[in-house]
Amino acid sequence: MTAPVSAYNVRVSRLSSPHATPPGSKSITNRALLLAALAQGETTLTGALDAEDTRIMFDALRTLGLEARFDVDSRVIRVVGQGGFFPNKEADLYVGNSGTTARFLTAALAFAEEGGYRLDGKQRMRERPIGDLLAALKLLDRDVVSLLGNDCPPLGIRGKRNDDASSRTIRIAADVSSQFLSGLLMAAPLARRELTIKIDGPLASRPYVAMTLDVMRSFGVQVEADSEFRKFYNFHVGRYEAREYAIEPDASAASYFFALPAILGGRITIENLSRNALQGDVGFVDYLEKMGCDVEWGANSITVAREGNAPLHGVDVDLNETPDVAQTLGVVALFADSPTSIRNVANMRVKETDRLAALTTELRKLGAEVDEWADGLTVDPTNRTLRGASIATYDDHRMAMSFALAGLRIPDVVIENPFCVAKTYPNYFEDLERVTEPI
């Protein structure tokens, strides 16, 4: 097979190291960056992720006039917040394809002091919906518009802090993305009124909302919520406090390493993650356990193991709360002895690409039979012979990282445009090679 320009040729390998160290969580880093900006005084973030998405948020805060420093070697970020005020009252903000940056900043800037902002990104960002957040902000008399009139970026945002003091109850739809709700929750303490937020319809990716509330608590804002996360209330207005905050390893990135014993056999441990992690994606190992792997939960570590000759079984799982591990599970499913079904993940279609369609297309290239439907798919490798292929990544970091795992077992797998992993994990391929060796 002739490799295309800018490709990574995966080598059939075995697991050679019992330990892996993924970088800091993207989801936590970008939440902490925003809250550091909204707090008063200097915040220090340790273990921060240095990747495209977090750099986009970091650069946006500096564009808004905040003092921020990033020590790359120590992975420490320092941000001097000004209590929710942004020194620069006019700014053009480029968010690339960073959904967290786009959704979180839109909400925060809508509550900023008088000023005008334009937020735009890559072509794919211009196709990613944000209308549910805009509708909720308009209920709060915020001045935010989709400049092309399609409920997608580019956005025009005019900050307005002169709220009346009356209380308000609003509703927001969060079935497309929990980031709309998370952005609104983090911005809500800036409002000068009592606010109650209620959820219309289903809530996607519930663990990410729980993460948002936990990070908010760490920065001094306590939000009350009912047990089903249908209602949020009693925000303590203007109370974000600067602090030192440690960011845990990225559980979505960890999923690729947890998948190695399932695919190759062997044993691997990741430190500083546990059942008590803020990130719901640590639950990926529960799916691996159902497939036949052994899982050990330590006080501050997670270990996954499988004997090389132990069977790997297909599973039928609802991944609505953990959609970012669906591609990893889809690739692991290639090596099971029965079909795997991934359900209730319709919101995968509005991520960095239409991930359901992309996952289906590339798994079929490798020889699997895949049945795709509106909100999920079934992978059946049992009656097919797996084969190598050149894998398109659709400028989606998770496509590149998950399909590289397939090439550790299947010869002649080539990952096109591997550099897209820079979005969340620039050193992914180096780290993957560090824990495996060719055979």
Foldseek 3Di string as FASTA:
>chain_A
DDFDPFWDAFFQWFFFDQEFEFAFAPLLLLLLLVLCQQAAAKAKEFRAFDFQQNVLLVVQLVQLPWDKDADPVRRMIMTHYHNLEGPDQEGEGERAQRPLSVQQVQQSQLAYDFHKYWYYYDPLQQVFADQQLVVQSVQQVGDKDAPVRPRGDRMIGTHHNPHDAEEDETETEALLHCSSVLSNVSNVLSHNYWYKYFYDDDHFQVLSSQLSQVSQVVQPWHWDADPVRGMITDTNHSRGHHYYHYTAGHLLLVLLVLLNCLQRFAKHKYFQDFPPDSHPSVCSVVQQVVQPWDWDGDPTMIMIGDHRPTAGAAEEDECRNPVSCVLLNLLSQLRHQFKHKYFQALSCCSHLHHVQVLSCVQLVQQWWDKDDDNGIIMTGNNPTDGAADEREDSLPLSSLSNVSSNCNNHHHHMYHNNCSVSNGGRCRVVSVCVRIDHD
